[in-house]
Amino acid sequence: MKKIKITDITPKSMKSAVLIKRLLYIDEVDSTNTYLLKSSGVYESGTAVLTLNQTSGRGRGGHVWDGHGCAAISVLIKDRPLSLLPLAAAAAAARTIAALTDATAKIKWPNDIIMNGKKLCGILCESRTTPSGGQAGVYVCGAGFNLSQSDEYFAPAGLFHASSIYAQTGRRINHATLASVFLAELEKSIKLTDIDSAALLNEYKKLCLTIGMEVKILPSGITGTAIDITRDGALVVQTGSGDVTVYGEVSVRGIDGGYI
């Protein structure tokens, strides 16, 4: 078995952080989320890991993708209920891209980061309950940012709705800088959730391009208009037969008439 090389790259700016206090770089790993879940007994809460070589990244629904050109960042959080973590992370990711590029990034519900109709970042939050079965267990929040690929990279793979920060903005962002900014923004979002979850939801709604758009609910194929986000992060879709509260997947109708 290949030995994993791990380097502590915690920036000085994180030393005073309360929730996310350590950043490790892994030279290669199958999945940063899987690594932290398996190692949750070794690392303290607030430990984050970063890699540019994630070989078996995972998304919602168990989708797997090639991590070439992608900065994968995951953070371990213990012993606090975080029902709105996926939305908090999405808001943090959108703010991160905006801060580093001066370009506007939006959220496709629940947590895909979109620019000009193209996906730049995906987020996967996973949890494992404690042996006692309590609500506060082990959480891992992972974000995969497409950093440097050209648009020509995605087309042969059939990823016509994917792009990268570089392709959309012309900015080349250092992976360590990206990680430190994202983790700082994520800490802000989690703190805001603790203090005023309504304020976090209001910020999220302003960033969410899905609201007001025609969507298709999956796997049923029912279509309607997304009209709101509930207090627990679900999407409310107005259909011909009434409002539907959605916790699973939806596709949004794009400017070309297709769904993304």
C-alpha atoms as a PDB file:
ATOM      1  CA  MET A   1       0.000   0.000   0.000  1.00  0.00           C
ATOM      2  CA  LYS A   2       1.343   3.408  -0.979  1.00  0.00           C
ATOM      3  CA  LYS A   3       2.217   5.585   1.992  1.00  0.00           C
ATOM      4  CA  ILE A   4       0.337   8.888   2.102  1.00  0.00           C
ATOM      5  CA  LYS A   5       2.546  11.951   2.423  1.00  0.00           C
ATOM      6  CA  ILE A   6       0.979  14.607   4.629  1.00  0.00           C
ATOM      7  CA  THR A   7       2.329  18.147   5.121  1.00  0.00           C
ATOM      8  CA  ASP A   8       1.036  20.709   7.604  1.00  0.00           C
ATOM      9  CA  ILE A   9       0.426  23.938   5.638  1.00  0.00           C
ATOM     10  CA  THR A  10      -1.718  25.750   8.209  1.00  0.00           C
ATOM     11  CA  PRO A  11      -1.513  29.486   7.389  1.00  0.00           C
ATOM     12  CA  LYS A  12      -0.938  32.033  10.138  1.00  0.00           C
ATOM     13  CA  SER A  13      -4.404  33.440   9.479  1.00  0.00           C
ATOM     14  CA  MET A  14      -5.958  30.206  10.789  1.00  0.00           C
ATOM     15  CA  LYS A  15      -4.096  30.227  14.086  1.00  0.00           C
ATOM     16  CA  SER A  16      -6.734  32.472  15.668  1.00  0.00           C
ATOM     17  CA  ALA A  17      -9.700  30.585  14.183  1.00  0.00           C
ATOM     18  CA  VAL A  18     -12.188  28.991  16.563  1.00  0.00           C
ATOM     19  CA  LEU A  19     -13.750  26.202  14.487  1.00  0.00           C
ATOM     20  CA  ILE A  20     -11.309  25.369  11.661  1.00  0.00           C
ATOM     21  CA  LYS A  21      -7.758  25.530  12.951  1.00  0.00           C
ATOM     22  CA  ARG A  22      -5.510  23.210  10.924  1.00  0.00           C
ATOM     23  CA  LEU A  23      -4.834  22.591   7.213  1.00  0.00           C
ATOM     24  CA  LEU A  24      -2.951  19.532   5.943  1.00  0.00           C
ATOM     25  CA  TYR A  25      -1.839  18.858   2.371  1.00  0.00           C
ATOM     26  CA  ILE A  26      -2.027  15.256   1.117  1.00  0.00           C
ATOM     27  CA  ASP A  27       0.011  14.413  -1.971  1.00  0.00           C
ATOM     28  CA  GLU A  28      -2.558  11.864  -3.230  1.00  0.00           C
ATOM     29  CA  VAL A  29      -5.724  10.341  -1.792  1.00  0.00           C
ATOM     30  CA  ASP A  30      -8.785   8.533  -3.088  1.00  0.00           C
ATOM     31  CA  SER A  31     -11.226  10.953  -1.432  1.00  0.00           C
ATOM     32  CA  THR A  32     -10.571  13.688   1.114  1.00  0.00           C
ATOM     33  CA  ASN A  33     -14.002  13.079   2.648  1.00  0.00           C
ATOM     34  CA  THR A  34     -13.413   9.346   2.984  1.00  0.00           C
ATOM     35  CA  TYR A  35      -9.952   9.945   4.435  1.00  0.00           C
ATOM     36  CA  LEU A  36     -11.260  12.229   7.186  1.00  0.00           C
ATOM     37  CA  LEU A  37     -14.208   9.979   8.021  1.00  0.00           C
ATOM     38  CA  LYS A  38     -11.874   7.007   8.399  1.00  0.00           C
ATOM     39  CA  SER A  39      -9.386   9.102  10.401  1.00  0.00           C
ATOM     40  CA  SER A  40     -11.886  10.969  12.573  1.00  0.00           C
ATOM     41  CA  GLY A  41     -10.576   9.255  15.688  1.00  0.00           C
ATOM     42  CA  VAL A  42      -7.064  10.532  14.965  1.00  0.00           C
ATOM     43  CA  TYR A  43      -7.723  14.168  14.081  1.00  0.00           C
ATOM     44  CA  GLU A  44      -9.266  16.923  16.168  1.00  0.00           C
ATOM     45  CA  SER A  45     -12.400  18.758  15.118  1.00  0.00           C
ATOM     46  CA  GLY A  46     -11.464  21.653  12.855  1.00  0.00           C
ATOM     47  CA  THR A  47      -8.838  19.716  10.877  1.00  0.00           C
ATOM     48  CA  ALA A  48      -8.983  20.273   7.114  1.00  0.00           C
ATOM     49  CA  VAL A  49      -7.204  18.406   4.346  1.00  0.00           C
ATOM     50  CA  LEU A  50      -6.365  19.571   0.826  1.00  0.00           C
ATOM     51  CA  THR A  51      -5.124  17.763  -2.264  1.00  0.00           C
ATOM     52  CA  LEU A  52      -4.651  18.346  -5.976  1.00  0.00           C
ATOM     53  CA  ASN A  53      -4.588  14.584  -6.575  1.00  0.00           C
ATOM     54  CA  GLN A  54      -7.926  13.074  -5.598  1.00  0.00           C
ATOM     55  CA  THR A  55      -8.331   9.821  -7.497  1.00  0.00           C
ATOM     56  CA  SER A  56     -11.906   8.852  -6.619  1.00  0.00           C
ATOM     57  CA  GLY A  57     -13.800  12.007  -5.741  1.00  0.00           C
ATOM     58  CA  ARG A  58     -17.475  11.582  -4.934  1.00  0.00           C
ATOM     59  CA  GLY A  59     -20.509  13.808  -5.333  1.00  0.00           C
ATOM     60  CA  ARG A  60     -24.180  13.642  -4.436  1.00  0.00           C
ATOM     61  CA  GLY A  61     -25.787  10.344  -5.406  1.00  0.00           C
ATOM     62  CA  GLY A  62     -22.439   8.539  -5.346  1.00  0.00           C
ATOM     63  CA  HIS A  63     -21.210  10.084  -8.615  1.00  0.00           C
ATOM     64  CA  VAL A  64     -17.442   9.671  -9.101  1.00  0.00           C
ATOM     65  CA  TRP A  65     -15.215  12.017 -11.081  1.00  0.00           C
ATOM     66  CA  ASP A  66     -11.591  12.472 -12.135  1.00  0.00           C
ATOM     67  CA  GLY A  67     -10.001  15.069  -9.858  1.00  0.00           C
ATOM     68  CA  HIS A  68      -7.386  16.278 -12.383  1.00  0.00           C
ATOM     69  CA  GLY A  69      -7.083  20.059 -12.063  1.00  0.00           C
ATOM     70  CA  CYS A  70      -9.394  20.097  -9.064  1.00  0.00           C
ATOM     71  CA  ALA A  71      -8.538  21.310  -5.567  1.00  0.00           C
ATOM     72  CA  ALA A  72     -10.334  19.023  -3.118  1.00  0.00           C
ATOM     73  CA  ILE A  73     -10.816  20.406   0.394  1.00  0.00           C
ATOM     74  CA  SER A  74     -12.530  18.634   3.302  1.00  0.00           C
ATOM     75  CA  VAL A  75     -12.944  19.672   6.919  1.00  0.00           C
ATOM     76  CA  LEU A  76     -13.755  17.539   9.953  1.00  0.00           C
ATOM     77  CA  ILE A  77     -16.294  18.866  12.450  1.00  0.00           C
ATOM     78  CA  LYS A  78     -17.283  16.989  15.592  1.00  0.00           C
ATOM     79  CA  ASP A  79     -19.935  17.133  18.280  1.00  0.00           C
ATOM     80  CA  ARG A  80     -22.248  19.851  16.978  1.00  0.00           C
ATOM     81  CA  PRO A  81     -25.512  19.479  14.998  1.00  0.00           C
ATOM     82  CA  LEU A  82     -25.114  21.074  11.553  1.00  0.00           C
ATOM     83  CA  SER A  83     -28.291  20.554   9.565  1.00  0.00           C
ATOM     84  CA  LEU A  84     -27.635  23.605   7.372  1.00  0.00           C
ATOM     85  CA  LEU A  85     -23.965  22.748   6.710  1.00  0.00           C
ATOM     86  CA  PRO A  86     -24.479  22.068   2.953  1.00  0.00           C
ATOM     87  CA  LEU A  87     -26.065  25.504   2.469  1.00  0.00           C
ATOM     88  CA  ALA A  88     -23.485  27.223   4.688  1.00  0.00           C
ATOM     89  CA  ALA A  89     -20.684  25.615   2.666  1.00  0.00           C
ATOM     90  CA  ALA A  90     -22.273  26.640  -0.629  1.00  0.00           C
ATOM     91  CA  ALA A  91     -22.512  30.262   0.468  1.00  0.00           C
ATOM     92  CA  ALA A  92     -18.887  30.121   1.640  1.00  0.00           C
ATOM     93  CA  ALA A  93     -17.725  28.664  -1.700  1.00  0.00           C
ATOM     94  CA  ALA A  94     -19.571  31.316  -3.719  1.00  0.00           C
ATOM     95  CA  ARG A  95     -18.059  34.084  -1.573  1.00  0.00           C
ATOM     96  CA  THR A  96     -14.605  32.524  -1.946  1.00  0.00           C
ATOM     97  CA  ILE A  97     -14.701  32.549  -5.743  1.00  0.00           C
ATOM     98  CA  ALA A  98     -16.043  36.102  -5.770  1.00  0.00           C
ATOM     99  CA  ALA A  99     -13.321  37.283  -3.378  1.00  0.00           C
ATOM    100  CA  LEU A 100     -10.502  35.715  -5.402  1.00  0.00           C
ATOM    101  CA  THR A 101     -11.729  36.640  -8.899  1.00  0.00           C
ATOM    102  CA  ASP A 102     -13.984  39.718  -8.546  1.00  0.00           C
ATOM    103  CA  ALA A 103     -16.557  37.717 -10.534  1.00  0.00           C
ATOM    104  CA  THR A 104     -20.035  36.713  -9.388  1.00  0.00           C
ATOM    105  CA  ALA A 105     -20.647  33.058  -8.561  1.00  0.00           C
ATOM    106  CA  LYS A 106     -24.137  31.681  -7.928  1.00  0.00           C
ATOM    107  CA  ILE A 107     -25.532  28.536  -6.294  1.00  0.00           C
ATOM    108  CA  LYS A 108     -27.604  25.866  -7.999  1.00  0.00           C
ATOM    109  CA  TRP A 109     -29.592  24.306  -5.162  1.00  0.00           C
ATOM    110  CA  PRO A 110     -28.436  22.766  -3.001  1.00  0.00           C
ATOM    111  CA  ASN A 111     -24.684  23.342  -3.357  1.00  0.00           C
ATOM    112  CA  ASP A 112     -23.278  23.449  -6.883  1.00  0.00           C
ATOM    113  CA  ILE A 113     -21.401  26.672  -7.609  1.00  0.00           C
ATOM    114  CA  ILE A 114     -22.219  28.093 -11.040  1.00  0.00           C
ATOM    115  CA  MET A 115     -20.792  30.840 -13.227  1.00  0.00           C
ATOM    116  CA  ASN A 116     -22.151  31.646 -16.687  1.00  0.00           C
ATOM    117  CA  GLY A 117     -24.187  28.441 -16.603  1.00  0.00           C
ATOM    118  CA  LYS A 118     -21.120  26.283 -15.860  1.00  0.00           C
ATOM    119  CA  LYS A 119     -20.342  24.325 -12.689  1.00  0.00           C
ATOM    120  CA  LEU A 120     -17.083  25.370 -11.014  1.00  0.00           C
ATOM    121  CA  CYS A 121     -17.438  23.677  -7.641  1.00  0.00           C
ATOM    122  CA  GLY A 122     -19.368  20.847  -6.030  1.00  0.00           C
ATOM    123  CA  ILE A 123     -19.905  20.202  -2.340  1.00  0.00           C
ATOM    124  CA  LEU A 124     -20.589  16.988  -0.451  1.00  0.00           C
ATOM    125  CA  CYS A 125     -21.336  16.949   3.276  1.00  0.00           C
ATOM    126  CA  GLU A 126     -21.404  13.601   5.062  1.00  0.00           C
ATOM    127  CA  SER A 127     -21.970  12.557   8.652  1.00  0.00           C
ATOM    128  CA  ARG A 128     -21.500   9.641  10.973  1.00  0.00           C
ATOM    129  CA  THR A 129     -23.402   9.471  14.238  1.00  0.00           C
ATOM    130  CA  THR A 130     -21.772   8.710  17.546  1.00  0.00           C
ATOM    131  CA  PRO A 131     -22.152   5.213  19.073  1.00  0.00           C
ATOM    132  CA  SER A 132     -24.806   6.656  21.424  1.00  0.00           C
ATOM    133  CA  GLY A 133     -26.894   7.642  18.410  1.00  0.00           C
ATOM    134  CA  GLY A 134     -27.030  11.313  19.365  1.00  0.00           C
ATOM    135  CA  GLN A 135     -27.517  14.107  16.854  1.00  0.00           C
ATOM    136  CA  ALA A 136     -24.038  15.526  17.383  1.00  0.00           C
ATOM    137  CA  GLY A 137     -21.612  13.151  15.728  1.00  0.00           C
ATOM    138  CA  VAL A 138     -18.879  13.404  13.112  1.00  0.00           C
ATOM    139  CA  TYR A 139     -19.335  15.642  10.075  1.00  0.00           C
ATOM    140  CA  VAL A 140     -17.147  16.066   7.026  1.00  0.00           C
ATOM    141  CA  CYS A 141     -17.713  18.878   4.565  1.00  0.00           C
ATOM    142  CA  GLY A 142     -15.931  18.488   1.234  1.00  0.00           C
ATOM    143  CA  ALA A 143     -15.632  20.944  -1.650  1.00  0.00           C
ATOM    144  CA  GLY A 144     -14.076  20.305  -5.043  1.00  0.00           C
ATOM    145  CA  PHE A 145     -13.045  23.453  -6.943  1.00  0.00           C
ATOM    146  CA  ASN A 146     -12.146  23.208 -10.628  1.00  0.00           C
ATOM    147  CA  LEU A 147      -9.089  25.456 -10.703  1.00  0.00           C
ATOM    148  CA  SER A 148      -7.099  25.381 -13.917  1.00  0.00           C
ATOM    149  CA  GLN A 149      -8.691  23.207 -16.603  1.00  0.00           C
ATOM    150  CA  SER A 150      -9.515  24.661 -20.005  1.00  0.00           C
ATOM    151  CA  ASP A 151     -13.030  24.217 -21.382  1.00  0.00           C
ATOM    152  CA  GLU A 152     -11.516  21.827 -23.935  1.00  0.00           C
ATOM    153  CA  TYR A 153     -10.727  19.474 -21.048  1.00  0.00           C
ATOM    154  CA  PHE A 154     -14.392  18.962 -20.120  1.00  0.00           C
ATOM    155  CA  ALA A 155     -16.001  18.411 -23.537  1.00  0.00           C
ATOM    156  CA  PRO A 156     -14.321  15.049 -24.371  1.00  0.00           C
ATOM    157  CA  ALA A 157     -15.505  13.736 -20.995  1.00  0.00           C
ATOM    158  CA  GLY A 158     -19.078  14.745 -21.788  1.00  0.00           C
ATOM    159  CA  LEU A 159     -19.065  17.373 -19.018  1.00  0.00           C
ATOM    160  CA  PHE A 160     -20.633  20.100 -21.139  1.00  0.00           C
ATOM    161  CA  HIS A 161     -21.952  22.036 -18.151  1.00  0.00           C
ATOM    162  CA  ALA A 162     -18.649  22.029 -16.235  1.00  0.00           C
ATOM    163  CA  SER A 163     -15.863  24.594 -16.330  1.00  0.00           C
ATOM    164  CA  SER A 164     -13.071  25.965 -14.146  1.00  0.00           C
ATOM    165  CA  ILE A 165     -12.252  29.180 -12.341  1.00  0.00           C
ATOM    166  CA  TYR A 166      -9.475  29.837 -14.836  1.00  0.00           C
ATOM    167  CA  ALA A 167     -11.637  29.178 -17.896  1.00  0.00           C
ATOM    168  CA  GLN A 168     -14.388  31.496 -16.659  1.00  0.00           C
ATOM    169  CA  THR A 169     -12.342  34.314 -15.143  1.00  0.00           C
ATOM    170  CA  GLY A 170      -8.793  34.064 -16.524  1.00  0.00           C
ATOM    171  CA  ARG A 171      -7.501  33.946 -12.945  1.00  0.00           C
ATOM    172  CA  ARG A 172      -4.981  31.314 -11.845  1.00  0.00           C
ATOM    173  CA  ILE A 173      -5.599  30.716  -8.152  1.00  0.00           C
ATOM    174  CA  ASN A 174      -3.064  28.993  -5.897  1.00  0.00           C
ATOM    175  CA  HIS A 175      -4.631  25.937  -4.245  1.00  0.00           C
ATOM    176  CA  ALA A 176      -3.368  26.792  -0.757  1.00  0.00           C
ATOM    177  CA  THR A 177      -4.716  30.338  -1.049  1.00  0.00           C
ATOM    178  CA  LEU A 178      -8.064  29.001  -2.208  1.00  0.00           C
ATOM    179  CA  ALA A 179      -8.224  26.581   0.717  1.00  0.00           C
ATOM    180  CA  SER A 180      -7.377  29.197   3.345  1.00  0.00           C
ATOM    181  CA  VAL A 181      -9.983  31.643   2.014  1.00  0.00           C
ATOM    182  CA  PHE A 182     -12.673  28.965   1.701  1.00  0.00           C
ATOM    183  CA  LEU A 183     -12.072  27.656   5.228  1.00  0.00           C
ATOM    184  CA  ALA A 184     -12.230  31.190   6.654  1.00  0.00           C
ATOM    185  CA  GLU A 185     -15.502  31.806   4.808  1.00  0.00           C
ATOM    186  CA  LEU A 186     -16.873  28.444   5.944  1.00  0.00           C
ATOM    187  CA  GLU A 187     -16.105  29.332   9.554  1.00  0.00           C
ATOM    188  CA  LYS A 188     -18.041  32.593   9.089  1.00  0.00           C
ATOM    189  CA  SER A 189     -21.011  30.712   7.620  1.00  0.00           C
ATOM    190  CA  ILE A 190     -21.105  28.149  10.428  1.00  0.00           C
ATOM    191  CA  LYS A 191     -20.915  30.882  13.064  1.00  0.00           C
ATOM    192  CA  LEU A 192     -23.740  32.754  11.342  1.00  0.00           C
ATOM    193  CA  THR A 193     -25.806  29.560  11.323  1.00  0.00           C
ATOM    194  CA  ASP A 194     -25.278  29.263  15.086  1.00  0.00           C
ATOM    195  CA  ILE A 195     -26.200  32.878  15.774  1.00  0.00           C
ATOM    196  CA  ASP A 196     -28.884  33.614  13.190  1.00  0.00           C
ATOM    197  CA  SER A 197     -29.858  30.797  10.841  1.00  0.00           C
ATOM    198  CA  ALA A 198     -32.451  33.061   9.173  1.00  0.00           C
ATOM    199  CA  ALA A 199     -29.667  35.446   8.131  1.00  0.00           C
ATOM    200  CA  LEU A 200     -27.701  32.555   6.620  1.00  0.00           C
ATOM    201  CA  LEU A 201     -30.786  31.430   4.695  1.00  0.00           C
ATOM    202  CA  ASN A 202     -31.422  34.970   3.445  1.00  0.00           C
ATOM    203  CA  GLU A 203     -27.847  35.210   2.161  1.00  0.00           C
ATOM    204  CA  TYR A 204     -28.164  31.792   0.551  1.00  0.00           C
ATOM    205  CA  LYS A 205     -31.413  32.738  -1.203  1.00  0.00           C
ATOM    206  CA  LYS A 206     -29.784  35.846  -2.696  1.00  0.00           C
ATOM    207  CA  LEU A 207     -27.011  33.671  -4.132  1.00  0.00           C
ATOM    208  CA  CYS A 208     -29.306  30.847  -5.278  1.00  0.00           C
ATOM    209  CA  LEU A 209     -30.054  31.005  -9.013  1.00  0.00           C
ATOM    210  CA  THR A 210     -32.554  28.138  -8.712  1.00  0.00           C
ATOM    211  CA  ILE A 211     -35.252  30.271  -7.082  1.00  0.00           C
ATOM    212  CA  GLY A 212     -37.596  31.599  -9.751  1.00  0.00           C
ATOM    213  CA  MET A 213     -36.364  29.087 -12.337  1.00  0.00           C
ATOM    214  CA  GLU A 214     -38.184  26.203 -13.986  1.00  0.00           C
ATOM    215  CA  VAL A 215     -36.884  22.947 -12.557  1.00  0.00           C
ATOM    216  CA  LYS A 216     -37.343  19.228 -13.090  1.00  0.00           C
ATOM    217  CA  ILE A 217     -37.635  17.083  -9.967  1.00  0.00           C
ATOM    218  CA  LEU A 218     -35.605  13.871 -10.184  1.00  0.00           C
ATOM    219  CA  PRO A 219     -36.249  11.016 -10.626  1.00  0.00           C
ATOM    220  CA  SER A 220     -39.983  11.710 -11.074  1.00  0.00           C
ATOM    221  CA  GLY A 221     -39.525  14.203 -13.928  1.00  0.00           C
ATOM    222  CA  ILE A 222     -42.210  16.508 -12.514  1.00  0.00           C
ATOM    223  CA  THR A 223     -41.585  20.115 -13.549  1.00  0.00           C
ATOM    224  CA  GLY A 224     -42.437  23.359 -11.805  1.00  0.00           C
ATOM    225  CA  THR A 225     -41.025  26.656 -10.570  1.00  0.00           C
ATOM    226  CA  ALA A 226     -38.688  26.824  -7.577  1.00  0.00           C
ATOM    227  CA  ILE A 227     -40.160  29.438  -5.240  1.00  0.00           C
ATOM    228  CA  ASP A 228     -38.475  29.157  -1.836  1.00  0.00           C
ATOM    229  CA  ILE A 229     -36.044  27.441   0.536  1.00  0.00           C
ATOM    230  CA  THR A 230     -37.416  26.031   3.801  1.00  0.00           C
ATOM    231  CA  ARG A 231     -35.833  26.600   7.203  1.00  0.00           C
ATOM    232  CA  ASP A 232     -34.166  23.174   7.000  1.00  0.00           C
ATOM    233  CA  GLY A 233     -32.755  23.802   3.518  1.00  0.00           C
ATOM    234  CA  ALA A 234     -35.289  22.006   1.307  1.00  0.00           C
ATOM    235  CA  LEU A 235     -36.446  23.438  -2.025  1.00  0.00           C
ATOM    236  CA  VAL A 236     -40.104  24.378  -2.499  1.00  0.00           C
ATOM    237  CA  VAL A 237     -41.321  23.798  -6.051  1.00  0.00           C
ATOM    238  CA  GLN A 238     -44.646  25.097  -7.319  1.00  0.00           C
ATOM    239  CA  THR A 239     -46.165  22.517  -9.665  1.00  0.00           C
ATOM    240  CA  GLY A 240     -49.457  22.223 -11.491  1.00  0.00           C
ATOM    241  CA  SER A 241     -50.816  20.061  -8.678  1.00  0.00           C
ATOM    242  CA  GLY A 242     -49.523  22.154  -5.767  1.00  0.00           C
ATOM    243  CA  ASP A 243     -46.319  22.971  -3.919  1.00  0.00           C
ATOM    244  CA  VAL A 244     -43.800  20.175  -3.445  1.00  0.00           C
ATOM    245  CA  THR A 245     -40.987  20.177  -0.862  1.00  0.00           C
ATOM    246  CA  VAL A 246     -37.866  18.619  -2.399  1.00  0.00           C
ATOM    247  CA  TYR A 247     -34.892  17.155  -0.523  1.00  0.00           C
ATOM    248  CA  GLY A 248     -33.367  15.205  -3.418  1.00  0.00           C
ATOM    249  CA  GLU A 249     -32.121  16.268  -6.859  1.00  0.00           C
ATOM    250  CA  VAL A 250     -33.474  18.789  -9.346  1.00  0.00           C
ATOM    251  CA  SER A 251     -32.324  19.993 -12.765  1.00  0.00           C
ATOM    252  CA  VAL A 252     -32.635  23.652 -13.734  1.00  0.00           C
ATOM    253  CA  ARG A 253     -33.713  24.743 -17.207  1.00  0.00           C
ATOM    254  CA  GLY A 254     -30.791  26.609 -18.791  1.00  0.00           C
ATOM    255  CA  ILE A 255     -30.740  29.417 -21.323  1.00  0.00           C
ATOM    256  CA  ASP A 256     -30.475  26.863 -24.133  1.00  0.00           C
ATOM    257  CA  GLY A 257     -33.756  25.273 -23.086  1.00  0.00           C
ATOM    258  CA  GLY A 258     -32.115  22.135 -21.703  1.00  0.00           C
ATOM    259  CA  TYR A 259     -31.757  21.142 -18.073  1.00  0.00           C
ATOM    260  CA  ILE A 260     -28.514  21.269 -16.095  1.00  0.00           C
END
